[in-house]
Protein backbone atom coordinates (compact mmCIF):
# COMPACT_ATOMS: atom_id res chain seq x y z
CA MET A 1 157.09 -216.02 -45.24
CA LYS A 2 153.87 -218.01 -45.05
CA PRO A 3 153.63 -217.81 -41.23
CA LEU A 4 153.95 -214.00 -41.48
CA PHE A 5 151.27 -213.80 -44.15
CA LYS A 6 148.93 -216.01 -42.15
CA LEU A 7 149.46 -214.06 -38.93
CA THR A 8 148.96 -210.71 -40.65
CA SER A 9 145.80 -212.01 -42.31
CA CYS A 10 144.50 -213.24 -38.96
CA LEU A 11 145.21 -209.86 -37.38
CA LEU A 12 143.31 -208.01 -40.12
CA LEU A 13 140.47 -210.53 -39.90
CA ALA A 14 140.26 -210.04 -36.14
CA LEU A 15 140.06 -206.27 -36.58
CA GLY A 16 137.29 -206.63 -39.14
CA LEU A 17 135.21 -209.32 -37.48
CA THR A 18 135.73 -209.21 -33.71
CA ALA A 19 132.90 -207.29 -32.04
CA CYS A 20 131.64 -206.84 -28.50
CA ALA A 21 129.07 -204.11 -29.12
CA THR A 22 126.99 -202.35 -31.75
CA SER A 23 127.22 -198.64 -32.47
CA PRO A 24 124.12 -196.37 -32.62
CA THR A 25 124.09 -196.75 -36.42
CA GLY A 26 124.32 -200.55 -36.26
CA ARG A 27 128.05 -200.94 -36.91
CA SER A 28 129.92 -203.73 -35.07
CA GLN A 29 132.51 -202.54 -32.55
CA LEU A 30 135.37 -204.01 -30.55
CA LEU A 31 135.36 -202.44 -27.07
CA ILE A 32 137.77 -203.81 -24.48
CA PHE A 33 137.82 -200.96 -21.96
CA SER A 34 135.14 -200.22 -19.36
CA SER A 35 133.12 -197.00 -19.31
CA ASN A 36 134.62 -196.15 -15.91
CA GLN A 37 138.13 -196.42 -17.33
CA LEU A 38 137.25 -194.14 -20.23
CA ASP A 39 135.52 -191.62 -17.94
CA GLN A 40 138.62 -191.42 -15.74
CA MET A 41 140.89 -190.99 -18.76
CA GLY A 42 138.62 -188.28 -20.15
CA ALA A 43 138.57 -186.36 -16.88
CA GLN A 44 142.36 -186.54 -16.56
CA ALA A 45 142.88 -185.40 -20.15
CA PHE A 46 140.46 -182.50 -19.66
CA ASP A 47 142.22 -181.37 -16.48
CA GLY A 48 145.46 -181.41 -18.45
CA MET A 49 143.89 -179.27 -21.18
CA LYS A 50 142.71 -176.70 -18.66
CA ALA A 51 146.17 -176.55 -17.11
CA GLU A 52 147.92 -176.05 -20.47
CA THR A 53 145.49 -173.93 -22.53
CA PRO A 54 144.09 -170.53 -21.50
CA VAL A 55 140.38 -170.49 -20.77
CA SER A 56 138.25 -167.72 -22.24
CA GLN A 57 137.22 -165.08 -19.73
CA LYS A 58 134.63 -163.50 -22.03
CA THR A 59 131.20 -163.88 -20.47
CA SER A 60 129.44 -163.61 -23.84
CA GLN A 61 131.46 -166.46 -25.35
CA ASN A 62 131.02 -168.72 -22.36
CA SER A 63 127.28 -168.06 -22.08
CA TYR A 64 126.75 -168.67 -25.80
CA VAL A 65 128.67 -171.96 -25.95
CA GLN A 66 127.14 -173.12 -22.66
CA CYS A 67 123.65 -172.41 -24.00
CA VAL A 68 124.21 -174.44 -27.18
CA ALA A 69 125.68 -177.37 -25.24
CA GLU A 70 122.96 -177.32 -22.58
CA THR A 71 120.28 -177.30 -25.28
CA LEU A 72 121.81 -180.44 -26.84
CA LEU A 73 122.61 -182.42 -23.70
CA PRO A 74 119.04 -183.37 -22.65
CA PHE A 75 118.84 -185.42 -25.86
CA VAL A 76 121.98 -187.45 -25.14
CA PRO A 77 120.99 -191.04 -24.21
CA ALA A 78 120.84 -191.45 -20.44
CA GLY A 79 123.41 -194.24 -20.28
CA VAL A 80 126.20 -192.19 -21.86
CA TYR A 81 127.11 -190.20 -18.75
CA ALA A 82 125.17 -189.90 -15.49
CA GLY A 83 126.83 -186.79 -14.05
CA ASP A 84 126.84 -183.10 -14.92
CA TRP A 85 128.69 -182.20 -18.11
CA GLU A 86 131.49 -179.64 -17.95
CA VAL A 87 131.76 -177.16 -20.84
CA VAL A 88 134.87 -175.00 -21.27
CA VAL A 89 135.74 -172.41 -23.93
CA PHE A 90 139.48 -172.41 -24.64
CA ASN A 91 141.09 -169.18 -25.82
CA ASP A 92 142.84 -170.56 -28.89
CA ASP A 93 142.64 -169.87 -32.63
CA GLN A 94 142.12 -173.54 -33.52
CA VAL A 95 138.94 -174.12 -35.53
CA ASN A 96 137.97 -177.09 -33.43
CA ALA A 97 136.02 -178.55 -30.54
CA PHE A 98 136.00 -181.88 -28.73
CA ALA A 99 134.05 -183.99 -26.26
CA LEU A 100 135.51 -186.61 -23.95
CA PRO A 101 134.11 -189.53 -21.97
CA GLY A 102 133.29 -188.42 -18.47
CA GLY A 103 131.08 -185.54 -19.57
CA LYS A 104 133.65 -183.05 -20.88
CA ILE A 105 133.19 -180.60 -23.77
CA GLY A 106 135.81 -178.17 -25.03
CA VAL A 107 135.33 -175.47 -27.67
CA TYR A 108 138.16 -173.35 -29.09
CA THR A 109 137.41 -169.68 -29.73
CA GLY A 110 138.71 -170.05 -33.30
CA LEU A 111 135.66 -172.18 -34.10
CA LEU A 112 133.35 -169.27 -33.33
CA ASN A 113 134.71 -167.43 -36.39
CA VAL A 114 133.75 -170.29 -38.72
CA ALA A 115 130.55 -171.61 -37.10
CA LYS A 116 128.57 -168.50 -37.95
CA ASN A 117 125.48 -169.08 -35.82
CA GLN A 118 123.99 -171.25 -33.08
CA HIS A 119 122.90 -173.95 -35.53
CA GLN A 120 126.37 -174.37 -37.01
CA LEU A 121 127.97 -174.42 -33.56
CA ALA A 122 125.41 -177.05 -32.51
CA ALA A 123 126.42 -179.15 -35.55
CA VAL A 124 130.03 -179.20 -34.31
CA ILE A 125 129.26 -179.80 -30.64
CA GLY A 126 126.65 -182.41 -31.56
CA HIS A 127 129.22 -184.15 -33.75
CA GLU A 128 131.75 -184.22 -30.90
CA ILE A 129 129.17 -185.54 -28.44
CA GLY A 130 128.35 -188.14 -31.10
CA HIS A 131 131.87 -189.54 -30.73
CA VAL A 132 131.21 -190.05 -27.02
CA ILE A 133 127.76 -191.55 -27.58
CA ALA A 134 129.21 -194.06 -30.06
CA GLN A 135 132.21 -194.83 -27.79
CA HIS A 136 134.68 -194.06 -30.55
CA GLY A 137 137.46 -193.35 -28.05
CA ASN A 138 137.06 -196.82 -26.57
CA GLU A 139 136.96 -198.37 -30.02
CA ARG A 140 140.12 -196.60 -31.20
CA MET A 141 142.03 -197.53 -28.06
CA SER A 142 140.84 -201.14 -28.33
CA GLN A 143 141.86 -201.25 -31.98
CA SER A 144 145.30 -199.77 -31.25
CA THR A 145 145.84 -202.27 -28.45
CA LEU A 146 144.99 -205.20 -30.72
CA ILE A 147 147.22 -203.88 -33.50
CA GLU A 148 150.12 -203.40 -31.09
CA MET A 149 149.73 -206.93 -29.76
CA GLY A 150 149.60 -208.37 -33.27
CA SER A 151 152.58 -206.33 -34.49
CA GLN A 152 154.67 -207.48 -31.54
CA ALA A 153 153.77 -211.09 -32.31
CA VAL A 154 154.76 -210.66 -35.98
CA ASN A 155 158.06 -209.04 -34.99
CA GLN A 156 158.86 -211.90 -32.62
CA ILE A 157 158.20 -214.50 -35.36
CA LEU A 158 160.42 -212.61 -37.82
CA ALA A 159 163.24 -212.38 -35.29
CA ALA A 160 162.93 -216.02 -34.20
CA ASN A 161 163.10 -217.22 -37.82
CA GLU A 162 165.88 -214.75 -38.71
CA VAL A 163 163.82 -213.40 -41.60
CA PRO A 164 165.82 -210.92 -43.75
CA TYR A 165 164.63 -207.29 -43.95
CA ASN A 166 162.81 -207.57 -40.61
CA GLN A 167 162.59 -203.80 -40.06
CA ALA A 168 161.45 -203.10 -43.63
CA ILE A 169 158.70 -205.69 -43.33
CA MET A 170 157.54 -204.25 -39.98
CA SER A 171 157.50 -200.73 -41.42
CA GLY A 172 155.43 -201.92 -44.37
CA LEU A 173 153.06 -203.76 -42.05
CA GLY A 174 152.61 -200.61 -39.96
CA LEU A 175 151.82 -198.48 -43.01
CA GLY A 176 149.45 -201.10 -44.36
CA LEU A 177 147.56 -201.22 -41.07
CA GLN A 178 147.37 -197.44 -40.91
CA VAL A 179 146.10 -196.90 -44.46
CA GLY A 180 144.09 -200.10 -44.69
CA VAL A 181 142.59 -200.32 -41.20
CA GLN A 182 143.10 -197.36 -38.88
CA LEU A 183 142.37 -194.50 -41.30
CA PRO A 184 139.18 -196.06 -42.72
CA PHE A 185 138.01 -196.73 -39.15
CA SER A 186 138.71 -193.09 -38.29
CA ARG A 187 136.76 -191.84 -41.30
CA ALA A 188 133.91 -194.19 -40.39
CA HIS A 189 133.87 -192.70 -36.91
CA GLU A 190 133.72 -189.17 -38.30
CA SER A 191 130.85 -190.02 -40.64
CA GLU A 192 128.98 -191.79 -37.85
CA ALA A 193 129.45 -188.84 -35.48
CA ASP A 194 128.13 -186.52 -38.21
CA ILE A 195 124.89 -188.50 -38.39
CA ILE A 196 124.49 -188.77 -34.62
CA GLY A 197 125.19 -185.05 -34.28
CA LEU A 198 122.68 -184.25 -37.04
CA GLN A 199 119.95 -186.13 -35.19
CA LEU A 200 120.95 -184.60 -31.87
CA MET A 201 120.81 -181.01 -33.13
CA ALA A 202 117.48 -181.62 -34.86
CA LEU A 203 115.88 -183.09 -31.75
CA ALA A 204 117.17 -180.11 -29.73
CA GLY A 205 115.55 -177.62 -32.11
CA PHE A 206 118.61 -176.53 -34.11
CA ASP A 207 118.17 -176.34 -37.89
CA PRO A 208 119.98 -179.43 -39.29
CA ARG A 209 120.29 -177.81 -42.73
CA GLN A 210 122.90 -175.49 -41.26
CA SER A 211 125.26 -178.47 -40.87
CA VAL A 212 125.83 -178.34 -44.63
CA ASP A 213 126.60 -174.62 -44.46
CA LEU A 214 129.04 -175.33 -41.65
CA TRP A 215 131.10 -177.75 -43.75
CA GLN A 216 131.09 -175.34 -46.66
CA ASN A 217 132.53 -172.76 -44.24
CA MET A 218 135.08 -175.31 -43.02
CA GLU A 219 136.21 -176.01 -46.57
CA ALA A 220 136.57 -172.29 -47.29
CA ALA A 221 138.53 -171.76 -44.05
CA SER A 222 140.95 -174.56 -44.94
CA GLY A 223 141.73 -173.06 -48.33
CA GLY A 224 141.41 -176.53 -49.84
CA GLU A 225 144.67 -177.65 -48.24
CA ARG A 226 144.10 -181.22 -47.10
CA PRO A 227 145.52 -184.68 -47.90
CA ALA A 228 143.78 -187.10 -50.22
CA GLU A 229 140.83 -188.69 -48.46
CA ILE A 230 142.39 -192.19 -48.49
CA LEU A 231 145.34 -190.81 -46.46
CA SER A 232 143.24 -188.66 -44.14
CA THR A 233 141.65 -189.38 -40.77
CA HIS A 234 138.60 -187.34 -41.83
CA PRO A 235 136.27 -187.62 -44.84
CA ALA A 236 136.57 -184.87 -47.44
CA PRO A 237 134.13 -181.98 -46.84
CA GLN A 238 132.04 -182.88 -49.89
CA THR A 239 131.81 -186.48 -48.68
CA ARG A 240 130.55 -185.20 -45.33
CA ILE A 241 128.05 -182.90 -47.03
CA ASP A 242 126.74 -185.76 -49.19
CA ASN A 243 126.42 -187.95 -46.08
CA LEU A 244 124.52 -185.23 -44.21
CA GLN A 245 122.19 -184.54 -47.12
CA ALA A 246 121.45 -188.25 -47.46
CA ASN A 247 120.19 -188.22 -43.87
CA MET A 248 118.56 -184.79 -43.96
CA ASP A 249 114.95 -185.90 -44.48
CA ALA A 250 114.93 -187.84 -41.20
CA ALA A 251 116.63 -184.95 -39.41
CA MET A 252 114.10 -182.46 -40.75
CA ARG A 253 111.26 -184.61 -39.46
CA ASP A 254 112.84 -184.51 -35.99
CA TYR A 255 113.42 -180.76 -36.30
CA THR A 256 109.83 -180.09 -37.37
CA ALA A 257 108.53 -182.24 -34.50
CA SER A 258 110.80 -180.64 -31.87
CA GLN A 259 108.68 -179.02 -29.20
CA LYS A 260 110.94 -175.99 -28.75
CA LYS A 261 113.28 -174.32 -31.20
CA ALA A 262 116.75 -173.45 -29.91
CA SER A 263 117.49 -169.86 -28.94
CA CYS A 264 121.13 -169.17 -28.10
CA GLN A 265 122.43 -165.75 -29.12
């Protein structure tokens, strides 16, 4: 079993140490896909969403969401996407939103019942844009590709050496990678996007303090039904609130210095 242990250790070490880029918060990243590839994937996925999910026809909803997004977008770093961003409101009760590489933003109407004002909506949209700014989609795909390659190599070694309990070992390896590597990476991405979104909304003239109120609303809307944080892709709401509050002083300085306060009603 020593070859298996050594290969698994090498795989985990590669995931932890291999880096081709640095995120906006200074975290090392492994990125193996080009921006053009991600933009094309994002555009294709967005077209699929529009084909499968009804789009809101309410002018008031569309104008409101468009205003919040357009107020944030001038503060997105220029190298993130050079074209015009597309913003779509999907008529669905999900309390969610997303942004994709290639300049795509989607907001579900269900979110508008929980994000009570323009500032809270800006916190969500800013967070989603933060994922794009930090290239989290690229990082997750790169990580998954590396894990798949390593898992296949381990499986081949087990089969070649006729190791007993091959399938059980592979299942355990998969769970270990998920809980020990993929989920913490996912939570790190969420926390990083929170901070990027907090800065973005503050620079755009949205009150960053409302991001805390948003996550209190999110917790109330969920009814407290969520898995333990170690088994979740997202940090617990209180963890997110603590993270936001720890970075609030810097955000408030940006908000106070913003030349124009947001006005989307």
